[in-house]
All heavy atoms as atom14 arrays in JSON, in Angstrom:
{
  "sequence": "YQAKVCVSGVNLLSKRPGAVGKVITSAALVETYAIFALLI",
  "atom14_mask": [
    [1, 1, 1, 1, 1, 1, 1, 1, 1, 1, 1, 1, 0, 0],
    [1, 1, 1, 1, 1, 1, 1, 1, 1, 0, 0, 0, 0, 0],
    [1, 1, 1, 1, 1, 0, 0, 0, 0, 0, 0, 0, 0, 0],
    [1, 1, 1, 1, 1, 1, 1, 1, 1, 0, 0, 0, 0, 0],
    [1, 1, 1, 1, 1, 1, 1, 0, 0, 0, 0, 0, 0, 0],
    [1, 1, 1, 1, 1, 1, 0, 0, 0, 0, 0, 0, 0, 0],
    [1, 1, 1, 1, 1, 1, 1, 0, 0, 0, 0, 0, 0, 0],
    [1, 1, 1, 1, 1, 1, 0, 0, 0, 0, 0, 0, 0, 0],
    [1, 1, 1, 1, 0, 0, 0, 0, 0, 0, 0, 0, 0, 0],
    [1, 1, 1, 1, 1, 1, 1, 0, 0, 0, 0, 0, 0, 0],
    [1, 1, 1, 1, 1, 1, 1, 1, 0, 0, 0, 0, 0, 0],
    [1, 1, 1, 1, 1, 1, 1, 1, 0, 0, 0, 0, 0, 0],
    [1, 1, 1, 1, 1, 1, 1, 1, 0, 0, 0, 0, 0, 0],
    [1, 1, 1, 1, 1, 1, 0, 0, 0, 0, 0, 0, 0, 0],
    [1, 1, 1, 1, 1, 1, 1, 1, 1, 0, 0, 0, 0, 0],
    [1, 1, 1, 1, 1, 1, 1, 1, 1, 1, 1, 0, 0, 0],
    [1, 1, 1, 1, 1, 1, 1, 0, 0, 0, 0, 0, 0, 0],
    [1, 1, 1, 1, 0, 0, 0, 0, 0, 0, 0, 0, 0, 0],
    [1, 1, 1, 1, 1, 0, 0, 0, 0, 0, 0, 0, 0, 0],
    [1, 1, 1, 1, 1, 1, 1, 0, 0, 0, 0, 0, 0, 0],
    [1, 1, 1, 1, 0, 0, 0, 0, 0, 0, 0, 0, 0, 0],
    [1, 1, 1, 1, 1, 1, 1, 1, 1, 0, 0, 0, 0, 0],
    [1, 1, 1, 1, 1, 1, 1, 0, 0, 0, 0, 0, 0, 0],
    [1, 1, 1, 1, 1, 1, 1, 1, 0, 0, 0, 0, 0, 0],
    [1, 1, 1, 1, 1, 1, 1, 0, 0, 0, 0, 0, 0, 0],
    [1, 1, 1, 1, 1, 1, 0, 0, 0, 0, 0, 0, 0, 0],
    [1, 1, 1, 1, 1, 0, 0, 0, 0, 0, 0, 0, 0, 0],
    [1, 1, 1, 1, 1, 0, 0, 0, 0, 0, 0, 0, 0, 0],
    [1, 1, 1, 1, 1, 1, 1, 1, 0, 0, 0, 0, 0, 0],
    [1, 1, 1, 1, 1, 1, 1, 0, 0, 0, 0, 0, 0, 0],
    [1, 1, 1, 1, 1, 1, 1, 1, 1, 0, 0, 0, 0, 0],
    [1, 1, 1, 1, 1, 1, 1, 0, 0, 0, 0, 0, 0, 0],
    [1, 1, 1, 1, 1, 1, 1, 1, 1, 1, 1, 1, 0, 0],
    [1, 1, 1, 1, 1, 0, 0, 0, 0, 0, 0, 0, 0, 0],
    [1, 1, 1, 1, 1, 1, 1, 1, 0, 0, 0, 0, 0, 0],
    [1, 1, 1, 1, 1, 1, 1, 1, 1, 1, 1, 0, 0, 0],
    [1, 1, 1, 1, 1, 0, 0, 0, 0, 0, 0, 0, 0, 0],
    [1, 1, 1, 1, 1, 1, 1, 1, 0, 0, 0, 0, 0, 0],
    [1, 1, 1, 1, 1, 1, 1, 1, 0, 0, 0, 0, 0, 0],
    [1, 1, 1, 1, 1, 1, 1, 1, 0, 0, 0, 0, 0, 0]
  ],
  "atom14_positions": [
    [[-104.25, 77.2, -81.3], [-104.55, 78.43, -80.56], [-105.9, 79.0, -80.97], [-106.63, 79.56, -80.15], [-103.45, 79.46, -80.74], [-102.13, 79.04, -80.13], [-100.92, 79.44, -80.68], [-102.08, 78.23, -79.0], [-99.71, 79.06, -80.13], [-100.88, 77.83, -78.44], [-99.69, 78.25, -79.01], [-98.51, 77.87, -78.46], [0.0, 0.0, 0.0], [0.0, 0.0, 0.0]],
    [[-106.24, 78.87, -82.24], [-107.55, 79.35, -82.68], [-108.65, 78.55, -82.01], [-109.7, 79.1, -81.67], [-107.66, 79.26, -84.2], [-108.87, 80.0, -84.73], [-108.89, 80.03, -86.24], [-108.57, 79.04, -86.89], [-109.27, 81.16, -86.8], [0.0, 0.0, 0.0], [0.0, 0.0, 0.0], [0.0, 0.0, 0.0], [0.0, 0.0, 0.0], [0.0, 0.0, 0.0]],
    [[-108.42, 77.28, -81.77], [-109.41, 76.46, -81.07], [-109.65, 76.98, -79.67], [-110.79, 77.01, -79.19], [-108.96, 75.01, -81.02], [0.0, 0.0, 0.0], [0.0, 0.0, 0.0], [0.0, 0.0, 0.0], [0.0, 0.0, 0.0], [0.0, 0.0, 0.0], [0.0, 0.0, 0.0], [0.0, 0.0, 0.0], [0.0, 0.0, 0.0], [0.0, 0.0, 0.0]],
    [[-108.59, 77.42, -79.0], [-108.75, 77.96, -77.65], [-109.65, 79.2, -77.67], [-110.51, 79.36, -76.81], [-107.39, 78.28, -77.03], [-106.55, 77.04, -76.74], [-105.17, 77.41, -76.23], [-104.3, 76.21, -76.07], [-104.47, 75.5, -74.83], [0.0, 0.0, 0.0], [0.0, 0.0, 0.0], [0.0, 0.0, 0.0], [0.0, 0.0, 0.0], [0.0, 0.0, 0.0]],
    [[-109.44, 80.05, -78.67], [-110.29, 81.24, -78.8], [-111.72, 80.83, -79.1], [-112.67, 81.37, -78.53], [-109.73, 82.17, -79.9], [-110.69, 83.33, -80.16], [-108.36, 82.7, -79.51], [0.0, 0.0, 0.0], [0.0, 0.0, 0.0], [0.0, 0.0, 0.0], [0.0, 0.0, 0.0], [0.0, 0.0, 0.0], [0.0, 0.0, 0.0], [0.0, 0.0, 0.0]],
    [[-111.89, 79.85, -80.0], [-113.24, 79.41, -80.37], [-113.96, 78.71, -79.22], [-115.17, 78.89, -79.05], [-113.18, 78.51, -81.6], [-112.73, 79.4, -83.12], [0.0, 0.0, 0.0], [0.0, 0.0, 0.0], [0.0, 0.0, 0.0], [0.0, 0.0, 0.0], [0.0, 0.0, 0.0], [0.0, 0.0, 0.0], [0.0, 0.0, 0.0], [0.0, 0.0, 0.0]],
    [[-113.24, 77.94, -78.43], [-113.86, 77.3, -77.26], [-114.32, 78.37, -76.28], [-115.44, 78.31, -75.76], [-112.88, 76.31, -76.58], [-113.36, 75.92, -75.19], [-112.69, 75.08, -77.46], [0.0, 0.0, 0.0], [0.0, 0.0, 0.0], [0.0, 0.0, 0.0], [0.0, 0.0, 0.0], [0.0, 0.0, 0.0], [0.0, 0.0, 0.0], [0.0, 0.0, 0.0]],
    [[-113.5, 79.39, -76.05], [-113.92, 80.49, -75.19], [-115.13, 81.2, -75.79], [-116.04, 81.61, -75.05], [-112.78, 81.49, -75.01], [-111.72, 80.89, -74.3], [0.0, 0.0, 0.0], [0.0, 0.0, 0.0], [0.0, 0.0, 0.0], [0.0, 0.0, 0.0], [0.0, 0.0, 0.0], [0.0, 0.0, 0.0], [0.0, 0.0, 0.0], [0.0, 0.0, 0.0]],
    [[-115.12, 81.32, -77.1], [-116.26, 81.95, -77.78], [-117.53, 81.16, -77.63], [-118.61, 81.73, -77.43], [0.0, 0.0, 0.0], [0.0, 0.0, 0.0], [0.0, 0.0, 0.0], [0.0, 0.0, 0.0], [0.0, 0.0, 0.0], [0.0, 0.0, 0.0], [0.0, 0.0, 0.0], [0.0, 0.0, 0.0], [0.0, 0.0, 0.0], [0.0, 0.0, 0.0]],
    [[-117.44, 79.85, -77.72], [-118.62, 79.01, -77.51], [-119.15, 79.2, -76.1], [-120.36, 79.32, -75.89], [-118.29, 77.51, -77.78], [-119.38, 76.59, -77.26], [-118.05, 77.28, -79.27], [0.0, 0.0, 0.0], [0.0, 0.0, 0.0], [0.0, 0.0, 0.0], [0.0, 0.0, 0.0], [0.0, 0.0, 0.0], [0.0, 0.0, 0.0], [0.0, 0.0, 0.0]],
    [[-118.24, 79.27, -75.14], [-118.66, 79.51, -73.75], [-119.33, 80.87, -73.6], [-120.31, 81.0, -72.88], [-117.46, 79.39, -72.81], [-116.95, 77.97, -72.73], [-117.68, 77.01, -72.93], [-115.65, 77.83, -72.46], [0.0, 0.0, 0.0], [0.0, 0.0, 0.0], [0.0, 0.0, 0.0], [0.0, 0.0, 0.0], [0.0, 0.0, 0.0], [0.0, 0.0, 0.0]],
    [[-118.81, 81.87, -74.3], [-119.43, 83.19, -74.26], [-120.82, 83.17, -74.89], [-121.75, 83.79, -74.37], [-118.54, 84.21, -74.99], [-119.09, 85.63, -75.12], [-119.29, 86.26, -73.74], [-118.17, 86.48, -75.97], [0.0, 0.0, 0.0], [0.0, 0.0, 0.0], [0.0, 0.0, 0.0], [0.0, 0.0, 0.0], [0.0, 0.0, 0.0], [0.0, 0.0, 0.0]],
    [[-120.97, 82.46, -75.99], [-122.28, 82.37, -76.65], [-123.34, 81.74, -75.76], [-124.53, 82.03, -75.92], [-122.17, 81.59, -77.96], [-121.42, 82.28, -79.1], [-121.37, 81.38, -80.31], [-122.06, 83.61, -79.44], [0.0, 0.0, 0.0], [0.0, 0.0, 0.0], [0.0, 0.0, 0.0], [0.0, 0.0, 0.0], [0.0, 0.0, 0.0], [0.0, 0.0, 0.0]],
    [[-122.93, 80.88, -74.84], [-123.91, 80.28, -73.94], [-124.52, 81.33, -73.01], [-125.64, 81.17, -72.55], [-123.27, 79.15, -73.12], [-122.33, 79.67, -72.19], [0.0, 0.0, 0.0], [0.0, 0.0, 0.0], [0.0, 0.0, 0.0], [0.0, 0.0, 0.0], [0.0, 0.0, 0.0], [0.0, 0.0, 0.0], [0.0, 0.0, 0.0], [0.0, 0.0, 0.0]],
    [[-123.79, 82.41, -72.77], [-124.29, 83.48, -71.9], [-124.79, 84.68, -72.69], [-125.71, 85.37, -72.27], [-123.19, 83.9, -70.94], [-122.8, 82.8, -69.96], [-121.63, 83.24, -69.1], [-121.24, 82.25, -68.07], [-120.97, 80.92, -68.46], [0.0, 0.0, 0.0], [0.0, 0.0, 0.0], [0.0, 0.0, 0.0], [0.0, 0.0, 0.0], [0.0, 0.0, 0.0]],
    [[-124.16, 84.94, -73.85], [-124.5, 86.11, -74.68], [-124.56, 85.69, -76.15], [-123.59, 85.87, -76.9], [-123.47, 87.2, -74.49], [-123.45, 87.74, -73.09], [-122.64, 88.99, -73.0], [-122.67, 89.44, -71.61], [-121.64, 89.96, -71.0], [-120.51, 90.12, -71.63], [-121.76, 90.35, -69.75], [0.0, 0.0, 0.0], [0.0, 0.0, 0.0], [0.0, 0.0, 0.0]],
    [[-125.67, 85.14, -76.58], [-125.79, 84.65, -77.96], [-125.55, 85.73, -79.03], [-125.14, 85.42, -80.14], [-127.22, 84.13, -78.04], [-127.62, 83.86, -76.64], [-126.88, 84.84, -75.8], [0.0, 0.0, 0.0], [0.0, 0.0, 0.0], [0.0, 0.0, 0.0], [0.0, 0.0, 0.0], [0.0, 0.0, 0.0], [0.0, 0.0, 0.0], [0.0, 0.0, 0.0]],
    [[-125.75, 86.97, -78.69], [-125.56, 88.05, -79.66], [-124.12, 88.45, -79.88], [-123.83, 89.28, -80.73], [0.0, 0.0, 0.0], [0.0, 0.0, 0.0], [0.0, 0.0, 0.0], [0.0, 0.0, 0.0], [0.0, 0.0, 0.0], [0.0, 0.0, 0.0], [0.0, 0.0, 0.0], [0.0, 0.0, 0.0], [0.0, 0.0, 0.0], [0.0, 0.0, 0.0]],
    [[-123.19, 87.85, -79.17], [-121.77, 88.22, -79.26], [-121.02, 87.46, -80.35], [-119.8, 87.51, -80.39], [-121.1, 88.0, -77.91], [0.0, 0.0, 0.0], [0.0, 0.0, 0.0], [0.0, 0.0, 0.0], [0.0, 0.0, 0.0], [0.0, 0.0, 0.0], [0.0, 0.0, 0.0], [0.0, 0.0, 0.0], [0.0, 0.0, 0.0], [0.0, 0.0, 0.0]],
    [[-121.73, 86.8, -81.24], [-121.07, 85.95, -82.23], [-120.1, 86.73, -83.11], [-119.03, 86.23, -83.47], [-122.1, 85.15, -83.07], [-122.9, 86.07, -83.99], [-121.42, 84.06, -83.86], [0.0, 0.0, 0.0], [0.0, 0.0, 0.0], [0.0, 0.0, 0.0], [0.0, 0.0, 0.0], [0.0, 0.0, 0.0], [0.0, 0.0, 0.0], [0.0, 0.0, 0.0]],
    [[-120.42, 87.96, -83.47], [-119.52, 88.77, -84.3], [-118.2, 89.04, -83.62], [-117.13, 88.97, -84.25], [0.0, 0.0, 0.0], [0.0, 0.0, 0.0], [0.0, 0.0, 0.0], [0.0, 0.0, 0.0], [0.0, 0.0, 0.0], [0.0, 0.0, 0.0], [0.0, 0.0, 0.0], [0.0, 0.0, 0.0], [0.0, 0.0, 0.0], [0.0, 0.0, 0.0]],
    [[-118.24, 89.33, -82.34], [-117.02, 89.58, -81.57], [-116.18, 88.32, -81.46], [-114.95, 88.36, -81.55], [-117.37, 90.11, -80.18], [-118.02, 91.47, -80.22], [-118.5, 91.91, -78.86], [-119.21, 93.24, -78.99], [-119.83, 93.69, -77.77], [0.0, 0.0, 0.0], [0.0, 0.0, 0.0], [0.0, 0.0, 0.0], [0.0, 0.0, 0.0], [0.0, 0.0, 0.0]],
    [[-116.86, 87.2, -81.29], [-116.15, 85.92, -81.16], [-115.46, 85.57, -82.48], [-114.29, 85.17, -82.5], [-117.14, 84.81, -80.74], [-116.5, 83.45, -80.82], [-117.66, 85.08, -79.34], [0.0, 0.0, 0.0], [0.0, 0.0, 0.0], [0.0, 0.0, 0.0], [0.0, 0.0, 0.0], [0.0, 0.0, 0.0], [0.0, 0.0, 0.0], [0.0, 0.0, 0.0]],
    [[-116.16, 85.73, -83.59], [-115.58, 85.41, -84.9], [-114.41, 86.33, -85.2], [-113.37, 85.9, -85.72], [-116.65, 85.48, -86.0], [-117.63, 84.31, -85.82], [-116.03, 85.45, -87.39], [-118.85, 84.39, -86.71], [0.0, 0.0, 0.0], [0.0, 0.0, 0.0], [0.0, 0.0, 0.0], [0.0, 0.0, 0.0], [0.0, 0.0, 0.0], [0.0, 0.0, 0.0]],
    [[-114.54, 87.6, -84.84], [-113.44, 88.54, -85.06], [-112.21, 88.12, -84.26], [-111.08, 88.14, -84.79], [-113.87, 89.97, -84.66], [-115.0, 90.34, -85.45], [-112.74, 90.97, -84.86], [0.0, 0.0, 0.0], [0.0, 0.0, 0.0], [0.0, 0.0, 0.0], [0.0, 0.0, 0.0], [0.0, 0.0, 0.0], [0.0, 0.0, 0.0], [0.0, 0.0, 0.0]],
    [[-112.39, 87.73, -83.03], [-111.26, 87.28, -82.2], [-110.6, 86.05, -82.81], [-109.37, 85.95, -82.86], [-111.73, 86.97, -80.78], [-112.18, 88.13, -80.15], [0.0, 0.0, 0.0], [0.0, 0.0, 0.0], [0.0, 0.0, 0.0], [0.0, 0.0, 0.0], [0.0, 0.0, 0.0], [0.0, 0.0, 0.0], [0.0, 0.0, 0.0], [0.0, 0.0, 0.0]],
    [[-111.4, 85.11, -83.27], [-110.85, 83.9, -83.88], [-110.15, 84.22, -85.19], [-109.12, 83.62, -85.52], [-111.96, 82.88, -84.09], [0.0, 0.0, 0.0], [0.0, 0.0, 0.0], [0.0, 0.0, 0.0], [0.0, 0.0, 0.0], [0.0, 0.0, 0.0], [0.0, 0.0, 0.0], [0.0, 0.0, 0.0], [0.0, 0.0, 0.0], [0.0, 0.0, 0.0]],
    [[-110.68, 85.17, -85.95], [-110.08, 85.53, -87.23], [-108.7, 86.16, -87.05], [-107.84, 86.03, -87.93], [-111.0, 86.47, -87.99], [0.0, 0.0, 0.0], [0.0, 0.0, 0.0], [0.0, 0.0, 0.0], [0.0, 0.0, 0.0], [0.0, 0.0, 0.0], [0.0, 0.0, 0.0], [0.0, 0.0, 0.0], [0.0, 0.0, 0.0], [0.0, 0.0, 0.0]],
    [[-108.48, 86.83, -85.94], [-107.16, 87.41, -85.69], [-106.09, 86.34, -85.6], [-104.97, 86.53, -86.08], [-107.19, 88.27, -84.43], [-107.99, 89.56, -84.55], [-108.11, 90.25, -83.19], [-107.38, 90.5, -85.57], [0.0, 0.0, 0.0], [0.0, 0.0, 0.0], [0.0, 0.0, 0.0], [0.0, 0.0, 0.0], [0.0, 0.0, 0.0], [0.0, 0.0, 0.0]],
    [[-106.41, 85.21, -85.01], [-105.46, 84.1, -84.94], [-105.25, 83.53, -86.35], [-104.13, 83.18, -86.73], [-105.95, 83.01, -83.97], [-104.93, 81.88, -83.87], [-106.22, 83.6, -82.59], [0.0, 0.0, 0.0], [0.0, 0.0, 0.0], [0.0, 0.0, 0.0], [0.0, 0.0, 0.0], [0.0, 0.0, 0.0], [0.0, 0.0, 0.0], [0.0, 0.0, 0.0]],
    [[-106.31, 83.46, -87.12], [-106.25, 82.95, -88.5], [-105.28, 83.75, -89.36], [-104.64, 83.21, -90.26], [-107.66, 83.01, -89.12], [-107.74, 82.5, -90.52], [-108.01, 81.03, -90.58], [-108.43, 80.45, -89.57], [-107.8, 80.45, -91.65], [0.0, 0.0, 0.0], [0.0, 0.0, 0.0], [0.0, 0.0, 0.0], [0.0, 0.0, 0.0], [0.0, 0.0, 0.0]],
    [[-105.17, 85.03, -89.07], [-104.31, 85.91, -89.85], [-102.89, 85.37, -89.94], [-102.27, 85.41, -91.0], [-104.28, 87.32, -89.21], [-105.62, 87.8, -89.12], [-103.44, 88.28, -90.01], [0.0, 0.0, 0.0], [0.0, 0.0, 0.0], [0.0, 0.0, 0.0], [0.0, 0.0, 0.0], [0.0, 0.0, 0.0], [0.0, 0.0, 0.0], [0.0, 0.0, 0.0]],
    [[-102.38, 84.82, -88.87], [-101.0, 84.33, -88.88], [-100.85, 83.06, -89.7], [-99.8, 82.83, -90.3], [-100.5, 84.18, -87.43], [-100.4, 85.55, -86.82], [-101.45, 86.07, -86.08], [-99.31, 86.36, -87.09], [-101.39, 87.36, -85.59], [-99.24, 87.65, -86.59], [-100.28, 88.15, -85.85], [-100.23, 89.43, -85.38], [0.0, 0.0, 0.0], [0.0, 0.0, 0.0]],
    [[-101.9, 82.26, -89.77], [-101.87, 81.1, -90.66], [-101.85, 81.56, -92.11], [-101.15, 80.97, -92.95], [-103.07, 80.2, -90.4], [0.0, 0.0, 0.0], [0.0, 0.0, 0.0], [0.0, 0.0, 0.0], [0.0, 0.0, 0.0], [0.0, 0.0, 0.0], [0.0, 0.0, 0.0], [0.0, 0.0, 0.0], [0.0, 0.0, 0.0], [0.0, 0.0, 0.0]],
    [[-102.59, 82.61, -92.42], [-102.6, 83.15, -93.79], [-101.23, 83.72, -94.14], [-100.73, 83.51, -95.25], [-103.72, 84.19, -93.95], [-105.08, 83.49, -93.83], [-103.6, 84.93, -95.29], [-106.26, 84.43, -93.71], [0.0, 0.0, 0.0], [0.0, 0.0, 0.0], [0.0, 0.0, 0.0], [0.0, 0.0, 0.0], [0.0, 0.0, 0.0], [0.0, 0.0, 0.0]],
    [[-100.59, 84.42, -93.2], [-99.25, 84.93, -93.45], [-98.29, 83.77, -93.74], [-97.48, 83.83, -94.66], [-98.72, 85.72, -92.24], [-99.43, 87.02, -91.98], [-99.36, 87.61, -90.73], [-100.17, 87.67, -92.96], [-100.0, 88.81, -90.47], [-100.81, 88.88, -92.71], [-100.73, 89.45, -91.46], [0.0, 0.0, 0.0], [0.0, 0.0, 0.0], [0.0, 0.0, 0.0]],
    [[-98.36, 82.73, -92.93], [-97.48, 81.57, -93.13], [-97.77, 80.9, -94.47], [-96.84, 80.47, -95.17], [-97.66, 80.57, -91.99], [0.0, 0.0, 0.0], [0.0, 0.0, 0.0], [0.0, 0.0, 0.0], [0.0, 0.0, 0.0], [0.0, 0.0, 0.0], [0.0, 0.0, 0.0], [0.0, 0.0, 0.0], [0.0, 0.0, 0.0], [0.0, 0.0, 0.0]],
    [[-99.05, 80.81, -94.84], [-99.4, 80.24, -96.14], [-98.74, 81.03, -97.26], [-98.16, 80.45, -98.19], [-100.92, 80.22, -96.31], [-101.44, 79.8, -97.69], [-101.11, 78.34, -97.96], [-102.94, 80.03, -97.77], [0.0, 0.0, 0.0], [0.0, 0.0, 0.0], [0.0, 0.0, 0.0], [0.0, 0.0, 0.0], [0.0, 0.0, 0.0], [0.0, 0.0, 0.0]],
    [[-98.82, 82.34, -97.19], [-98.21, 83.18, -98.23], [-96.69, 82.99, -98.28], [-96.12, 82.89, -99.37], [-98.55, 84.65, -97.99], [-100.0, 85.04, -98.24], [-100.25, 86.48, -97.8], [-100.36, 84.85, -99.7], [0.0, 0.0, 0.0], [0.0, 0.0, 0.0], [0.0, 0.0, 0.0], [0.0, 0.0, 0.0], [0.0, 0.0, 0.0], [0.0, 0.0, 0.0]],
    [[-96.06, 82.93, -97.12], [-94.61, 82.77, -97.08], [-94.2, 81.4, -97.62], [-93.13, 81.24, -98.2], [-94.07, 82.98, -95.65], [-94.28, 84.43, -95.23], [-92.61, 82.61, -95.54], [-93.62, 85.47, -96.13], [0.0, 0.0, 0.0], [0.0, 0.0, 0.0], [0.0, 0.0, 0.0], [0.0, 0.0, 0.0], [0.0, 0.0, 0.0], [0.0, 0.0, 0.0]]
  ]
}
């Protein structure tokens, strides 16, 4: 699922290169659940 967000982010960067922070934040939200699972 994080890949889906990152692929969309890559597509966004092709049109708006300055949006990298927003893209990384969106991808990091998916990462949060992997970190929760790692802790559990």
